[in-house]
Amino acid sequence: MTSVEIEYCVPCGLLDPAVQTQTRLLDEFGQDLDGVTLVPGHGGVFVVRADSETIWDKDVHGADLDLELVAEAVEDRLQVTA
């Protein structure tokens, strides 16, 4: 099973997109995941990791979160671990 971690910047107000990401992943893959954990951070961080592998990083992918891309990356990860 796969575990997802969403690290988000608290002072930047990135809790809402973190919760949206968490909800989307749980709705779509809930029973296939070990969990989706929110990790408070700072410094503008917004990083999504699956089994410690970064699948989305705001500094690399840009500020506009693409939930489709994140969901596809998690689905790919689930297929690899199946």
Protein backbone atom coordinates (compact mmCIF):
# COMPACT_ATOMS: atom_id res chain seq x y z
CA MET A 1 0.00 0.00 0.00
CA THR A 2 0.97 3.58 -0.53
CA SER A 3 1.18 6.38 1.97
CA VAL A 4 0.84 10.02 0.88
CA GLU A 5 2.17 13.07 2.71
CA ILE A 6 1.14 16.64 1.89
CA GLU A 7 3.46 19.26 3.36
CA TYR A 8 1.99 22.75 3.19
CA CYS A 9 2.91 26.26 4.32
CA VAL A 10 0.71 27.35 7.24
CA PRO A 11 1.55 31.09 7.14
CA CYS A 12 0.92 31.17 3.37
CA GLY A 13 -2.62 29.88 3.82
CA LEU A 14 -2.06 26.65 1.88
CA LEU A 15 -4.21 24.55 4.21
CA ASP A 16 -7.22 24.72 1.85
CA PRO A 17 -5.38 23.29 -1.18
CA ALA A 18 -3.79 20.66 1.08
CA VAL A 19 -7.23 19.58 2.34
CA GLN A 20 -8.61 19.61 -1.23
CA THR A 21 -5.74 17.36 -2.31
CA GLN A 22 -6.24 15.06 0.67
CA THR A 23 -9.99 14.81 0.01
CA ARG A 24 -9.51 14.11 -3.70
CA LEU A 25 -7.01 11.33 -3.03
CA LEU A 26 -9.11 9.74 -0.29
CA ASP A 27 -12.26 9.93 -2.43
CA GLU A 28 -10.51 8.35 -5.40
CA PHE A 29 -8.09 5.89 -3.80
CA GLY A 30 -9.11 5.71 -0.13
CA GLN A 31 -9.14 1.95 0.35
CA ASP A 32 -5.91 1.49 -1.61
CA LEU A 33 -3.92 3.96 0.50
CA ASP A 34 -2.33 3.50 3.90
CA GLY A 35 -3.18 7.14 4.58
CA VAL A 36 -2.94 10.74 3.45
CA THR A 37 -1.19 12.87 6.05
CA LEU A 38 -1.11 16.66 6.28
CA VAL A 39 2.22 18.04 7.50
CA PRO A 40 2.32 21.73 8.53
CA GLY A 41 5.34 23.62 7.20
CA HIS A 42 6.56 27.12 6.40
CA GLY A 43 8.60 28.98 3.81
CA GLY A 44 6.05 28.64 1.01
CA VAL A 45 6.29 24.85 0.86
CA PHE A 46 3.66 22.72 -0.88
CA VAL A 47 4.96 19.24 -1.59
CA VAL A 48 3.07 16.00 -2.16
CA ARG A 49 5.00 12.78 -1.55
CA ALA A 50 3.97 9.17 -2.15
CA ASP A 51 6.06 6.69 -0.19
CA SER A 52 8.63 9.48 0.38
CA GLU A 53 8.94 10.15 -3.38
CA THR A 54 8.04 13.71 -4.40
CA ILE A 55 5.22 13.73 -6.94
CA TRP A 56 4.33 17.43 -6.74
CA ASP A 57 6.43 20.38 -5.61
CA LYS A 58 5.17 23.95 -5.91
CA ASP A 59 8.73 25.17 -6.50
CA VAL A 60 9.11 22.81 -9.48
CA HIS A 61 5.58 22.60 -10.91
CA GLY A 62 4.39 26.14 -10.18
CA ALA A 63 1.83 27.67 -7.84
CA ASP A 64 -1.23 26.35 -9.71
CA LEU A 65 -1.95 22.97 -8.16
CA ASP A 66 -2.97 20.38 -10.76
CA LEU A 67 -5.05 17.81 -8.86
CA GLU A 68 -5.35 15.66 -12.00
CA LEU A 69 -1.57 15.37 -12.24
CA VAL A 70 -1.28 14.56 -8.53
CA ALA A 71 -4.03 11.92 -8.77
CA GLU A 72 -2.38 10.35 -11.85
CA ALA A 73 0.98 10.21 -10.05
CA VAL A 74 -0.61 8.50 -7.03
CA GLU A 75 -2.46 6.07 -9.29
CA ASP A 76 0.81 5.25 -11.07
CA ARG A 77 2.45 4.67 -7.70
CA LEU A 78 -0.38 2.35 -6.63
CA GLN A 79 0.04 0.29 -9.81
CA VAL A 80 3.77 -0.08 -9.17
CA THR A 81 3.22 -1.28 -5.60
CA ALA A 82 0.35 -3.63 -6.49
